[in-house]
Every structure is written in structure tokens, then in C-alpha cells.
Amino acid sequence: MPFIVINSSNNFDPIHQNEYATEQVADAAARKLLEEQPTAIVRTAQVLKRYSAKVTVSVEEAAEQPVQEVVE
């Protein structure tokens, strides 16, 4: 199973998109990240499951209704 590196200090870090084949490779990536960002909180984790979902968006035109003008 693949491994990932998690930068808990930055939720938008692109490293979250990478998967590593072995724990050793993930560990090396985590150590490199920590050298670049010494104050980061970095973790490695083994991927057990992947989840995905699909969303359907539909649009419907609203029936024309007269618009009442507001007078102040």
C-alpha cells in the first residue's frame, strides 16, 4: 500500500497530492520537507482506502414572474 506525507502546518501544501511506494521513500520526502520548512509539523501515513464521489448539477430556468418594484 502506498504512503503519503502530511504537512499539518499547511493544509494547502501540494505534497498532500503525492503518494510514495514505500515507507522509506515517504520518510525521505518528509525529512526533505522538514529541512525546507523547519517549523512544519510533518507526518507520514499509510493509505488504507481511497474515497471518491461524483456530484451532478442541474439547472432549470425559472418561470418568468413579474418583478415588483420597491419604492422607498
Protein backbone atom coordinates (compact mmCIF):
# COMPACT_ATOMS: atom_id res chain seq x y z
CA MET A 1 0.00 0.00 0.00
CA PRO A 2 1.25 3.49 -0.76
CA PHE A 3 2.30 6.09 1.78
CA ILE A 4 1.64 9.83 1.95
CA VAL A 5 3.28 12.80 3.65
CA ILE A 6 1.03 15.19 5.57
CA ASN A 7 2.10 18.73 6.40
CA SER A 8 -0.23 19.53 9.32
CA SER A 9 1.07 23.11 9.38
CA ASN A 10 -0.20 23.86 5.87
CA ASN A 11 -3.42 22.25 4.63
CA PHE A 12 -2.76 23.55 1.10
CA ASP A 13 0.72 22.07 0.70
CA PRO A 14 0.94 20.30 -2.69
CA ILE A 15 2.86 17.45 -1.04
CA HIS A 16 -0.53 16.10 0.05
CA GLN A 17 -1.16 15.06 -3.57
CA ASN A 18 1.84 12.73 -3.75
CA GLU A 19 1.84 9.02 -2.98
CA TYR A 20 5.03 7.08 -2.30
CA ALA A 21 5.57 3.40 -3.00
CA THR A 22 7.40 2.64 0.24
CA GLU A 23 7.63 3.94 3.77
CA GLN A 24 11.31 4.76 3.22
CA VAL A 25 10.59 7.00 0.22
CA ALA A 26 7.80 8.79 2.13
CA ASP A 27 10.15 9.23 5.09
CA ALA A 28 12.78 10.79 2.82
CA ALA A 29 10.17 13.18 1.38
CA ALA A 30 9.02 14.13 4.90
CA ARG A 31 12.60 14.82 6.01
CA LYS A 32 13.24 16.95 2.91
CA LEU A 33 10.07 18.94 3.60
CA LEU A 34 11.17 19.45 7.20
CA GLU A 35 14.55 20.75 6.03
CA GLU A 36 12.75 23.26 3.80
CA GLN A 37 10.18 24.20 6.46
CA PRO A 38 11.75 23.60 9.89
CA THR A 39 8.68 24.76 11.82
CA ALA A 40 6.30 22.41 9.98
CA ILE A 41 4.56 19.51 11.68
CA VAL A 42 5.05 16.63 9.25
CA ARG A 43 3.63 13.11 9.37
CA THR A 44 3.74 10.05 7.17
CA ALA A 45 0.77 7.73 6.81
CA GLN A 46 -0.09 4.53 5.01
CA VAL A 47 -3.03 4.77 2.63
CA LEU A 48 -5.58 2.14 3.57
CA LYS A 49 -8.55 3.29 1.49
CA ARG A 50 -9.34 5.86 -1.18
CA TYR A 51 -12.71 7.54 -1.35
CA SER A 52 -14.28 9.46 -4.20
CA ALA A 53 -17.69 10.83 -5.06
CA LYS A 54 -19.50 12.25 -8.06
CA VAL A 55 -21.78 15.25 -7.98
CA THR A 56 -24.47 16.05 -10.51
CA VAL A 57 -25.51 19.67 -11.01
CA SER A 58 -28.70 20.53 -12.88
CA VAL A 59 -30.06 23.90 -13.87
CA GLU A 60 -33.65 24.82 -14.53
CA GLU A 61 -34.81 28.14 -15.89
CA ALA A 62 -37.14 29.97 -13.53
CA ALA A 63 -40.60 30.74 -14.86
CA GLU A 64 -40.95 34.42 -15.68
CA GLN A 65 -42.77 36.26 -12.96
CA PRO A 66 -43.39 39.98 -12.76
CA VAL A 67 -40.91 41.78 -10.55
CA GLN A 68 -42.41 44.21 -8.11
CA GLU A 69 -40.58 47.49 -7.88
CA VAL A 70 -39.76 48.64 -4.35
CA VAL A 71 -40.38 52.32 -3.71
CA GLU A 72 -38.81 53.88 -0.66
